[in-house]
Amino acid sequence: MIKVVDARFVTTAVDERGAPKDGIPEVAFVGRSNVGKSSMINTLTQRRKLVRVSNTPGRTRTLNFFDAVVERRGKRHTVRFADLPGYGFAKVSKAERESWSEMIEGYLSRRAPLKVVVAIIDAEVGPTADDHEMLAWLQERTPKILVAATKIDRLNKARRKPRLVELSKQLELPLETILPFSATERIGVDELWGTLLDVLR
């Protein structure tokens, strides 16, 4: 069982040079716009409004950092979450989209404290072309990738396991590396935390 002791906003940056310098291990969250990154972070940190949740795709336009202090088996861990701008559906100019791409790629390529990237896929919609492209790019650079199939609650219980099997085939990833998640029903919260802490220890 994971207990969240504290969670707070740290800072906002427009590139990796503006990111925190203290070396706390980081977990980055990536996914298409409106896939549920903010809701996932709020659910993991047990804070309803730590990250602003918007119905407007593309609202996150910077690198946003949050610290969570969690306790597991009597031991405390400090983990930093990095919320990255969503890709895909944001209605922005080509110049701004290119700027976001440079910011995201710069952070993911050069950020030393970054230990894990959580790639979020909509379990109901399935992986888009942008999701495939992002995962292929990450697999060449990132030390560890976890895939979270979010909004799993939108599928009835009988469909959930078969859907995860479908996703593993579509993404060409082992089934055990795809974690079902739901912010609404709090499915997979402890499992995701446990996996993250095992990687970060």
Protein backbone atom coordinates (compact mmCIF):
# COMPACT_ATOMS: atom_id res chain seq x y z
CA MET A 1 0.00 0.00 0.00
CA ILE A 2 1.32 3.42 -1.00
CA LYS A 3 0.72 6.42 1.23
CA VAL A 4 1.14 9.92 -0.19
CA VAL A 5 2.62 12.09 2.57
CA ASP A 6 2.93 15.33 0.60
CA ALA A 7 2.60 16.68 -2.93
CA ARG A 8 3.34 20.15 -4.26
CA PHE A 9 4.00 22.18 -7.38
CA VAL A 10 7.72 22.93 -7.89
CA THR A 11 8.22 25.04 -10.99
CA THR A 12 7.45 25.63 -14.66
CA ALA A 13 10.10 25.69 -17.38
CA VAL A 14 10.16 26.33 -21.13
CA ASP A 15 13.21 24.08 -21.68
CA GLU A 16 15.39 21.67 -19.72
CA ARG A 17 17.71 24.52 -18.67
CA GLY A 18 14.93 25.93 -16.51
CA ALA A 19 14.20 22.59 -14.82
CA PRO A 20 15.09 21.99 -11.13
CA LYS A 21 18.79 21.43 -10.42
CA ASP A 22 18.62 19.32 -7.23
CA GLY A 23 18.79 15.91 -8.92
CA ILE A 24 15.62 14.36 -7.46
CA PRO A 25 14.70 11.35 -9.65
CA GLU A 26 12.07 12.27 -12.22
CA VAL A 27 9.17 10.54 -13.91
CA ALA A 28 7.92 12.18 -17.12
CA PHE A 29 4.36 11.78 -18.38
CA VAL A 30 3.78 11.92 -22.14
CA GLY A 31 0.71 11.35 -24.26
CA ARG A 32 -1.55 12.93 -26.80
CA SER A 33 -3.57 15.98 -25.84
CA ASN A 34 -6.57 15.18 -23.64
CA VAL A 35 -5.45 11.61 -22.90
CA GLY A 36 -5.58 12.18 -19.14
CA LYS A 37 -2.05 13.12 -18.03
CA SER A 38 -3.22 15.74 -15.54
CA SER A 39 -5.88 13.46 -14.08
CA MET A 40 -3.32 10.68 -13.71
CA ILE A 41 -0.89 12.89 -11.79
CA ASN A 42 -3.67 14.23 -9.56
CA THR A 43 -4.81 10.67 -8.83
CA LEU A 44 -1.31 9.39 -8.09
CA THR A 45 -0.62 12.30 -5.73
CA GLN A 46 -4.11 12.16 -4.15
CA ARG A 47 -4.55 15.87 -4.88
CA ARG A 48 -7.65 16.87 -6.84
CA LYS A 49 -6.25 20.17 -8.09
CA LEU A 50 -2.47 19.78 -8.04
CA VAL A 51 -2.46 19.80 -11.84
CA ARG A 52 -5.07 21.81 -13.70
CA VAL A 53 -7.37 19.55 -15.71
CA SER A 54 -8.68 21.09 -18.90
CA ASN A 55 -11.17 19.95 -21.52
CA THR A 56 -9.26 22.00 -24.07
CA PRO A 57 -6.55 19.94 -25.82
CA GLY A 58 -3.14 21.59 -25.79
CA ARG A 59 -3.61 23.65 -22.63
CA THR A 60 -0.28 22.47 -21.16
CA ARG A 61 2.41 24.43 -23.00
CA THR A 62 5.37 24.18 -20.64
CA LEU A 63 7.30 21.62 -18.62
CA ASN A 64 5.58 21.50 -15.23
CA PHE A 65 7.26 19.85 -12.24
CA PHE A 66 5.61 18.44 -9.11
CA ASP A 67 7.12 16.68 -6.10
CA ALA A 68 5.46 13.80 -4.28
CA VAL A 69 6.65 12.31 -0.99
CA VAL A 70 5.33 8.77 -0.62
CA GLU A 71 5.71 6.05 1.97
CA ARG A 72 5.95 2.34 1.21
CA ARG A 73 6.76 -0.34 3.76
CA GLY A 74 7.78 2.31 6.26
CA LYS A 75 10.27 4.00 3.93
CA ARG A 76 9.78 7.45 2.41
CA HIS A 77 10.63 8.36 -1.18
CA THR A 78 10.63 11.73 -2.94
CA VAL A 79 9.65 11.51 -6.59
CA ARG A 80 9.42 14.36 -9.07
CA PHE A 81 6.77 14.28 -11.78
CA ALA A 82 7.26 16.17 -15.05
CA ASP A 83 4.05 16.94 -16.93
CA LEU A 84 4.89 17.46 -20.61
CA PRO A 85 2.75 19.16 -23.27
CA GLY A 86 0.40 16.80 -25.07
CA TYR A 87 0.89 15.98 -28.71
CA GLY A 88 -1.59 15.43 -31.51
CA PHE A 89 -4.81 17.42 -31.40
CA ALA A 90 -3.77 20.83 -30.08
CA LYS A 91 -4.99 23.67 -32.27
CA VAL A 92 -1.82 25.74 -32.36
CA SER A 93 0.37 27.30 -35.02
CA LYS A 94 3.04 25.29 -36.81
CA ALA A 95 5.74 27.47 -35.21
CA GLU A 96 4.38 26.82 -31.71
CA ARG A 97 4.04 23.11 -32.39
CA GLU A 98 7.71 23.01 -33.51
CA SER A 99 8.70 24.91 -30.38
CA TRP A 100 6.89 22.35 -28.21
CA SER A 101 8.59 19.52 -30.10
CA GLU A 102 12.02 21.03 -29.45
CA MET A 103 11.20 21.54 -25.78
CA ILE A 104 9.94 17.98 -25.28
CA GLU A 105 12.74 16.34 -27.25
CA GLY A 106 15.37 18.45 -25.50
CA TYR A 107 14.06 17.46 -22.09
CA LEU A 108 13.66 13.75 -22.90
CA SER A 109 17.07 13.54 -24.59
CA ARG A 110 19.25 15.43 -22.13
CA ARG A 111 17.59 15.48 -18.70
CA ALA A 112 19.96 13.59 -16.35
CA PRO A 113 17.53 13.03 -13.39
CA LEU A 114 14.92 11.52 -15.74
CA LYS A 115 14.60 7.82 -14.88
CA VAL A 116 11.21 6.75 -16.23
CA VAL A 117 8.79 7.91 -18.92
CA VAL A 118 5.14 6.97 -18.52
CA ALA A 119 3.66 6.85 -22.03
CA ILE A 120 -0.11 7.19 -21.75
CA ILE A 121 -2.39 5.48 -24.26
CA ASP A 122 -6.18 5.80 -24.32
CA ALA A 123 -7.37 2.23 -23.69
CA GLU A 124 -10.67 2.86 -25.46
CA VAL A 125 -9.29 4.67 -28.52
CA GLY A 126 -6.09 2.68 -28.83
CA PRO A 127 -2.69 3.91 -30.03
CA THR A 128 -2.70 6.65 -32.64
CA ALA A 129 -0.02 7.28 -35.24
CA ASP A 130 1.39 9.95 -32.91
CA ASP A 131 1.55 7.40 -30.07
CA HIS A 132 3.45 4.94 -32.24
CA GLU A 133 5.86 7.66 -33.32
CA MET A 134 6.48 8.81 -29.74
CA LEU A 135 7.08 5.28 -28.47
CA ALA A 136 9.50 4.51 -31.29
CA TRP A 137 11.37 7.73 -30.52
CA LEU A 138 11.46 7.00 -26.78
CA GLN A 139 12.74 3.46 -27.23
CA GLU A 140 15.92 4.83 -28.76
CA ARG A 141 16.64 7.28 -25.93
CA THR A 142 14.91 6.68 -22.63
CA PRO A 143 16.28 4.39 -19.88
CA LYS A 144 12.85 3.02 -18.93
CA ILE A 145 9.38 3.29 -20.49
CA LEU A 146 6.10 2.31 -18.87
CA VAL A 147 2.89 2.25 -20.89
CA ALA A 148 -0.29 3.15 -19.03
CA ALA A 149 -3.61 2.30 -20.68
CA THR A 150 -5.77 5.01 -19.19
CA LYS A 151 -9.57 5.42 -19.10
CA ILE A 152 -9.86 1.64 -18.76
CA ASP A 153 -13.08 2.18 -16.79
CA ARG A 154 -14.84 3.07 -20.04
CA LEU A 155 -14.65 -0.58 -21.03
CA ASN A 156 -16.80 -3.16 -19.28
CA LYS A 157 -14.88 -5.55 -17.06
CA ALA A 158 -15.09 -8.44 -19.51
CA ARG A 159 -13.42 -6.32 -22.22
CA ARG A 160 -10.52 -5.00 -20.20
CA LYS A 161 -8.08 -7.92 -20.25
CA PRO A 162 -8.70 -8.70 -23.97
CA ARG A 163 -8.18 -5.00 -24.72
CA LEU A 164 -4.81 -5.03 -22.97
CA VAL A 165 -3.84 -8.05 -25.07
CA GLU A 166 -4.85 -6.13 -28.20
CA LEU A 167 -2.81 -3.13 -27.12
CA SER A 168 0.28 -5.27 -26.48
CA LYS A 169 0.03 -6.62 -30.04
CA GLN A 170 -0.59 -3.19 -31.57
CA LEU A 171 2.34 -1.68 -29.68
CA GLU A 172 4.53 -4.80 -30.05
CA LEU A 173 5.22 -4.76 -26.32
CA PRO A 174 4.99 -7.50 -23.66
CA LEU A 175 1.58 -7.60 -21.99
CA GLU A 176 3.11 -7.19 -18.52
CA THR A 177 4.61 -3.81 -19.50
CA ILE A 178 1.16 -2.28 -20.14
CA LEU A 179 -0.57 -1.13 -16.96
CA PRO A 180 -4.34 -0.51 -16.90
CA PHE A 181 -5.29 2.76 -15.22
CA SER A 182 -8.37 4.77 -14.37
CA ALA A 183 -8.43 8.08 -12.53
CA THR A 184 -12.21 7.76 -12.17
CA GLU A 185 -12.24 4.35 -10.50
CA ARG A 186 -8.66 4.51 -9.16
CA ILE A 187 -7.72 1.35 -11.06
CA GLY A 188 -3.99 0.62 -11.18
CA VAL A 189 -2.90 3.43 -8.83
CA ASP A 190 -0.95 1.26 -6.38
CA GLU A 191 0.38 -0.91 -9.20
CA LEU A 192 1.74 2.08 -11.11
CA TRP A 193 3.25 3.57 -7.96
CA GLY A 194 4.83 0.23 -7.08
CA THR A 195 6.37 -0.14 -10.52
CA LEU A 196 7.72 3.41 -10.46
CA LEU A 197 9.29 3.00 -7.02
CA ASP A 198 10.83 -0.32 -8.00
CA VAL A 199 12.50 1.36 -10.99
CA LEU A 200 13.62 4.43 -9.03
CA ARG A 201 15.09 2.66 -5.98
